Amino acid sequence: MAKKKKRIDIVYSTNPNFGYDDGEEEEEETLEPNQQDLRVLVDRKQRKGKEVTLVTGFVGTDEDLKDLGKSIKQKCGVGGAVKNGEIMIQGNVVKKVLDILHKSGYKAKQSGGN
């Protein structure tokens, strides 16, 4: 038997087009690599002066983002993390990350200076 979801905080709606929001977000479908517009930059803010290469602008599921981050970290031979829709790679490896992304078919540009 299927569980019924409890609807909380709703009394009555006179709107005929009302759609109840149960709080679950629908994940976006992942765009093809050639349709992605990624930005690669070096960041030092709030990291005690240590440099981190950030990859931003990914459109898709969290699982696909984690897979991309894992492959970049392996190919660069460094550590990193995937948080808040960004891939963080330890160190200043912008050129290497750009090469990896271009070879994988992604549209990527360097953002910021250096």
N, C-alpha and C. Protein backbone atom coordinates (compact mmCIF):
# COMPACT_ATOMS: atom_id res chain seq x y z
N MET A 1 0.83 -1.17 0.00
CA MET A 1 0.00 0.00 0.00
C MET A 1 0.89 1.24 0.00
N ALA A 2 0.59 2.19 -0.86
CA ALA A 2 1.40 3.40 -1.00
C ALA A 2 1.13 4.35 0.16
N LYS A 3 2.18 5.02 0.58
CA LYS A 3 2.03 6.01 1.64
C LYS A 3 1.44 7.29 1.07
N LYS A 4 0.57 7.90 1.84
CA LYS A 4 0.02 9.19 1.44
C LYS A 4 0.90 10.28 2.02
N LYS A 5 1.13 11.30 1.23
CA LYS A 5 1.91 12.43 1.71
C LYS A 5 1.00 13.37 2.48
N LYS A 6 1.47 13.82 3.61
CA LYS A 6 0.71 14.78 4.40
C LYS A 6 0.90 16.17 3.82
N ARG A 7 -0.19 16.87 3.69
CA ARG A 7 -0.13 18.25 3.25
C ARG A 7 -0.28 19.12 4.48
N ILE A 8 0.72 19.91 4.74
CA ILE A 8 0.69 20.76 5.92
C ILE A 8 0.57 22.22 5.51
N ASP A 9 0.06 23.02 6.39
CA ASP A 9 -0.03 24.46 6.21
C ASP A 9 -0.95 24.89 5.07
N ILE A 10 -1.91 24.06 4.68
CA ILE A 10 -2.88 24.46 3.67
C ILE A 10 -4.27 24.33 4.28
N VAL A 11 -5.02 25.41 4.19
CA VAL A 11 -6.38 25.38 4.70
C VAL A 11 -7.34 25.26 3.53
N TYR A 12 -7.30 26.23 2.63
CA TYR A 12 -8.21 26.23 1.50
C TYR A 12 -7.69 27.22 0.47
N SER A 13 -7.86 26.91 -0.79
CA SER A 13 -7.46 27.82 -1.85
C SER A 13 -8.62 28.00 -2.82
N THR A 14 -8.91 29.24 -3.17
CA THR A 14 -9.97 29.53 -4.13
C THR A 14 -9.43 29.60 -5.56
N ASN A 15 -8.14 29.51 -5.70
CA ASN A 15 -7.50 29.57 -7.01
C ASN A 15 -7.72 28.24 -7.73
N PRO A 16 -8.41 28.23 -8.89
CA PRO A 16 -8.64 26.96 -9.58
C PRO A 16 -7.37 26.36 -10.17
N ASN A 17 -6.32 27.17 -10.36
CA ASN A 17 -5.05 26.69 -10.92
C ASN A 17 -4.02 26.41 -9.85
N PHE A 18 -4.44 26.29 -8.60
CA PHE A 18 -3.51 26.09 -7.49
C PHE A 18 -2.86 24.72 -7.61
N GLY A 19 -1.56 24.72 -7.47
CA GLY A 19 -0.81 23.46 -7.46
C GLY A 19 -0.03 23.37 -6.16
N TYR A 20 -0.25 22.35 -5.42
CA TYR A 20 0.42 22.20 -4.14
C TYR A 20 1.89 21.90 -4.35
N ASP A 21 2.73 22.61 -3.64
CA ASP A 21 4.17 22.40 -3.69
C ASP A 21 4.56 21.56 -2.48
N ASP A 22 4.99 20.33 -2.73
CA ASP A 22 5.32 19.45 -1.62
C ASP A 22 6.77 19.61 -1.15
N GLY A 23 7.48 20.57 -1.69
CA GLY A 23 8.84 20.86 -1.24
C GLY A 23 9.91 20.08 -1.98
N GLU A 24 9.53 19.13 -2.80
CA GLU A 24 10.52 18.37 -3.55
C GLU A 24 10.82 19.09 -4.85
N GLU A 25 12.09 19.29 -5.10
CA GLU A 25 12.50 19.98 -6.31
C GLU A 25 12.73 18.97 -7.42
N GLU A 26 12.32 19.35 -8.61
CA GLU A 26 12.61 18.51 -9.76
C GLU A 26 14.01 18.84 -10.25
N GLU A 27 14.79 17.80 -10.53
CA GLU A 27 16.15 18.05 -11.01
C GLU A 27 16.11 18.33 -12.50
N GLU A 28 17.02 19.20 -12.90
CA GLU A 28 17.12 19.53 -14.31
C GLU A 28 17.77 18.38 -15.06
N GLU A 29 17.42 18.27 -16.33
CA GLU A 29 18.09 17.29 -17.15
C GLU A 29 19.45 17.85 -17.53
N THR A 30 20.41 16.98 -17.65
CA THR A 30 21.76 17.40 -17.98
C THR A 30 21.86 17.72 -19.47
N LEU A 31 22.38 18.91 -19.76
CA LEU A 31 22.59 19.30 -21.15
C LEU A 31 23.76 18.53 -21.73
N GLU A 32 23.78 18.43 -23.04
CA GLU A 32 24.91 17.79 -23.72
C GLU A 32 26.17 18.61 -23.47
N PRO A 33 27.35 17.98 -23.49
CA PRO A 33 28.58 18.72 -23.23
C PRO A 33 28.79 19.92 -24.15
N ASN A 34 28.42 19.80 -25.43
CA ASN A 34 28.65 20.93 -26.34
C ASN A 34 27.66 22.07 -26.11
N GLN A 35 26.61 21.86 -25.30
CA GLN A 35 25.66 22.92 -24.98
C GLN A 35 25.96 23.57 -23.64
N GLN A 36 26.86 22.99 -22.86
CA GLN A 36 27.23 23.55 -21.56
C GLN A 36 28.10 24.78 -21.77
N ASP A 37 27.96 25.77 -20.91
CA ASP A 37 28.79 26.97 -20.96
C ASP A 37 29.49 27.10 -19.61
N LEU A 38 30.64 26.46 -19.49
CA LEU A 38 31.35 26.40 -18.22
C LEU A 38 32.37 27.52 -18.10
N ARG A 39 32.59 27.98 -16.89
CA ARG A 39 33.60 29.00 -16.59
C ARG A 39 34.61 28.40 -15.62
N VAL A 40 35.88 28.62 -15.88
CA VAL A 40 36.96 28.10 -15.04
C VAL A 40 37.74 29.30 -14.51
N LEU A 41 37.91 29.37 -13.19
CA LEU A 41 38.61 30.49 -12.59
C LEU A 41 39.36 30.05 -11.35
N VAL A 42 40.32 30.89 -10.93
CA VAL A 42 41.09 30.65 -9.72
C VAL A 42 40.51 31.53 -8.62
N ASP A 43 40.34 30.94 -7.43
CA ASP A 43 39.73 31.67 -6.33
C ASP A 43 40.58 31.46 -5.08
N ARG A 44 40.72 32.52 -4.28
CA ARG A 44 41.45 32.45 -3.01
C ARG A 44 40.59 32.90 -1.84
N LYS A 45 39.41 33.39 -2.11
CA LYS A 45 38.57 33.97 -1.06
C LYS A 45 38.14 32.93 -0.05
N GLN A 46 38.24 33.27 1.22
CA GLN A 46 37.82 32.44 2.34
C GLN A 46 38.50 31.08 2.36
N ARG A 47 39.74 31.03 1.85
CA ARG A 47 40.48 29.78 1.83
C ARG A 47 41.89 29.95 2.39
N LYS A 48 42.07 30.94 3.23
CA LYS A 48 43.34 31.22 3.89
C LYS A 48 44.49 31.36 2.89
N GLY A 49 44.20 31.99 1.75
CA GLY A 49 45.24 32.27 0.76
C GLY A 49 45.55 31.12 -0.17
N LYS A 50 44.96 29.96 0.05
CA LYS A 50 45.23 28.80 -0.82
C LYS A 50 44.40 28.94 -2.11
N GLU A 51 45.03 28.58 -3.22
CA GLU A 51 44.36 28.71 -4.50
C GLU A 51 43.51 27.47 -4.80
N VAL A 52 42.33 27.73 -5.37
CA VAL A 52 41.41 26.68 -5.78
C VAL A 52 40.92 27.02 -7.18
N THR A 53 40.88 26.02 -8.05
CA THR A 53 40.34 26.21 -9.38
C THR A 53 38.86 25.83 -9.32
N LEU A 54 38.00 26.77 -9.72
CA LEU A 54 36.55 26.55 -9.69
C LEU A 54 36.02 26.35 -11.11
N VAL A 55 35.12 25.39 -11.25
CA VAL A 55 34.40 25.19 -12.50
C VAL A 55 32.93 25.46 -12.20
N THR A 56 32.37 26.49 -12.84
CA THR A 56 30.99 26.88 -12.57
C THR A 56 30.17 26.86 -13.86
N GLY A 57 28.86 26.93 -13.71
CA GLY A 57 27.97 27.03 -14.87
C GLY A 57 27.42 25.71 -15.37
N PHE A 58 27.63 24.62 -14.64
CA PHE A 58 27.13 23.32 -15.08
C PHE A 58 25.62 23.26 -14.93
N VAL A 59 24.93 22.80 -15.97
CA VAL A 59 23.48 22.65 -15.93
C VAL A 59 23.17 21.16 -16.02
N GLY A 60 22.60 20.62 -14.93
CA GLY A 60 22.26 19.21 -14.94
C GLY A 60 22.09 18.65 -13.55
N THR A 61 22.07 17.35 -13.47
CA THR A 61 21.84 16.68 -12.19
C THR A 61 23.10 16.71 -11.34
N ASP A 62 22.90 16.57 -10.03
CA ASP A 62 24.03 16.54 -9.11
C ASP A 62 24.92 15.34 -9.36
N GLU A 63 24.32 14.24 -9.75
CA GLU A 63 25.09 13.01 -10.01
C GLU A 63 26.05 13.20 -11.18
N ASP A 64 25.58 13.84 -12.25
CA ASP A 64 26.44 14.10 -13.41
C ASP A 64 27.54 15.09 -13.07
N LEU A 65 27.22 16.07 -12.22
CA LEU A 65 28.24 17.03 -11.79
C LEU A 65 29.32 16.33 -10.97
N LYS A 66 28.92 15.42 -10.09
CA LYS A 66 29.89 14.68 -9.28
C LYS A 66 30.77 13.79 -10.16
N ASP A 67 30.18 13.18 -11.18
CA ASP A 67 30.96 12.35 -12.10
C ASP A 67 32.00 13.18 -12.86
N LEU A 68 31.58 14.37 -13.32
CA LEU A 68 32.52 15.26 -14.02
C LEU A 68 33.63 15.70 -13.08
N GLY A 69 33.28 16.06 -11.85
CA GLY A 69 34.28 16.47 -10.87
C GLY A 69 35.27 15.36 -10.58
N LYS A 70 34.76 14.15 -10.45
CA LYS A 70 35.64 13.00 -10.17
C LYS A 70 36.62 12.76 -11.30
N SER A 71 36.14 12.85 -12.54
CA SER A 71 37.03 12.61 -13.68
C SER A 71 38.10 13.72 -13.79
N ILE A 72 37.71 14.97 -13.51
CA ILE A 72 38.69 16.07 -13.57
C ILE A 72 39.75 15.87 -12.49
N LYS A 73 39.32 15.53 -11.28
CA LYS A 73 40.28 15.33 -10.18
C LYS A 73 41.24 14.20 -10.50
N GLN A 74 40.74 13.11 -11.08
CA GLN A 74 41.60 11.98 -11.41
C GLN A 74 42.62 12.34 -12.48
N LYS A 75 42.16 13.06 -13.50
CA LYS A 75 43.05 13.42 -14.60
C LYS A 75 44.09 14.45 -14.20
N CYS A 76 43.74 15.33 -13.23
CA CYS A 76 44.70 16.32 -12.75
C CYS A 76 45.61 15.74 -11.67
N GLY A 77 45.17 14.68 -11.03
CA GLY A 77 45.96 14.07 -9.96
C GLY A 77 45.96 14.88 -8.68
N VAL A 78 44.85 15.59 -8.43
CA VAL A 78 44.75 16.41 -7.23
C VAL A 78 43.42 16.14 -6.54
N GLY A 79 43.25 16.72 -5.37
CA GLY A 79 42.00 16.58 -4.63
C GLY A 79 41.04 17.68 -5.00
N GLY A 80 39.87 17.60 -4.41
CA GLY A 80 38.87 18.62 -4.66
C GLY A 80 37.53 18.19 -4.12
N ALA A 81 36.50 18.94 -4.46
CA ALA A 81 35.16 18.64 -3.97
C ALA A 81 34.13 19.21 -4.94
N VAL A 82 32.90 18.74 -4.79
CA VAL A 82 31.77 19.26 -5.55
C VAL A 82 30.77 19.77 -4.53
N LYS A 83 30.58 21.10 -4.51
CA LYS A 83 29.67 21.72 -3.55
C LYS A 83 28.91 22.85 -4.23
N ASN A 84 27.65 23.00 -3.89
CA ASN A 84 26.83 24.12 -4.33
C ASN A 84 26.86 24.33 -5.84
N GLY A 85 26.86 23.26 -6.60
CA GLY A 85 26.84 23.38 -8.06
C GLY A 85 28.17 23.79 -8.67
N GLU A 86 29.26 23.73 -7.89
CA GLU A 86 30.59 24.08 -8.38
C GLU A 86 31.55 22.91 -8.16
N ILE A 87 32.52 22.82 -9.03
CA ILE A 87 33.59 21.84 -8.85
C ILE A 87 34.81 22.61 -8.38
N MET A 88 35.35 22.22 -7.21
CA MET A 88 36.54 22.86 -6.67
C MET A 88 37.71 21.89 -6.81
N ILE A 89 38.77 22.34 -7.46
CA ILE A 89 39.98 21.55 -7.65
C ILE A 89 41.11 22.24 -6.92
N GLN A 90 41.86 21.50 -6.11
CA GLN A 90 42.94 22.10 -5.33
C GLN A 90 44.06 22.58 -6.25
N GLY A 91 44.52 23.80 -6.01
CA GLY A 91 45.64 24.36 -6.75
C GLY A 91 45.21 25.16 -7.96
N ASN A 92 46.19 25.79 -8.58
CA ASN A 92 45.96 26.59 -9.78
C ASN A 92 46.25 25.73 -11.00
N VAL A 93 45.24 25.02 -11.47
CA VAL A 93 45.38 24.12 -12.62
C VAL A 93 44.37 24.48 -13.71
N VAL A 94 44.21 25.77 -13.94
CA VAL A 94 43.20 26.25 -14.89
C VAL A 94 43.45 25.70 -16.29
N LYS A 95 44.67 25.79 -16.78
CA LYS A 95 44.96 25.35 -18.15
C LYS A 95 44.72 23.86 -18.32
N LYS A 96 45.10 23.09 -17.31
CA LYS A 96 44.90 21.65 -17.37
C LYS A 96 43.41 21.30 -17.37
N VAL A 97 42.63 21.98 -16.53
CA VAL A 97 41.19 21.75 -16.45
C VAL A 97 40.53 22.14 -17.77
N LEU A 98 40.93 23.27 -18.34
CA LEU A 98 40.38 23.70 -19.63
C LEU A 98 40.66 22.67 -20.72
N ASP A 99 41.88 22.13 -20.76
CA ASP A 99 42.23 21.10 -21.74
C ASP A 99 41.36 19.86 -21.56
N ILE A 100 41.17 19.44 -20.31
CA ILE A 100 40.35 18.25 -20.03
C ILE A 100 38.91 18.48 -20.47
N LEU A 101 38.37 19.65 -20.17
CA LEU A 101 36.99 19.95 -20.54
C LEU A 101 36.82 20.03 -22.06
N HIS A 102 37.77 20.65 -22.74
CA HIS A 102 37.68 20.76 -24.20
C HIS A 102 37.77 19.38 -24.85
N LYS A 103 38.66 18.51 -24.34
CA LYS A 103 38.78 17.16 -24.89
C LYS A 103 37.52 16.34 -24.63
N SER A 104 36.80 16.65 -23.57
CA SER A 104 35.55 15.94 -23.25
C SER A 104 34.36 16.52 -24.02
N GLY A 105 34.58 17.58 -24.77
CA GLY A 105 33.53 18.15 -25.60
C GLY A 105 32.77 19.31 -24.99
N TYR A 106 33.21 19.81 -23.83
CA TYR A 106 32.52 20.92 -23.17
C TYR A 106 33.00 22.25 -23.73
N LYS A 107 32.10 23.22 -23.75
CA LYS A 107 32.49 24.59 -24.07
C LYS A 107 32.90 25.22 -22.74
N ALA A 108 34.15 25.60 -22.62
CA ALA A 108 34.63 26.17 -21.37
C ALA A 108 35.53 27.35 -21.68
N LYS A 109 35.43 28.37 -20.82
CA LYS A 109 36.25 29.57 -20.96
C LYS A 109 36.89 29.89 -19.62
N GLN A 110 38.05 30.52 -19.70
CA GLN A 110 38.69 30.99 -18.47
C GLN A 110 38.04 32.31 -18.07
N SER A 111 37.74 32.43 -16.80
CA SER A 111 37.10 33.62 -16.28
C SER A 111 38.04 34.26 -15.28
N GLY A 112 38.06 35.57 -15.22
CA GLY A 112 38.94 36.27 -14.29
C GLY A 112 40.33 36.43 -14.86
N GLY A 113 41.22 36.97 -14.04
CA GLY A 113 42.59 37.24 -14.47
C GLY A 113 43.49 36.03 -14.36
N ASN A 114 44.81 36.30 -14.50
CA ASN A 114 45.89 35.28 -14.42
C ASN A 114 45.81 34.38 -15.59
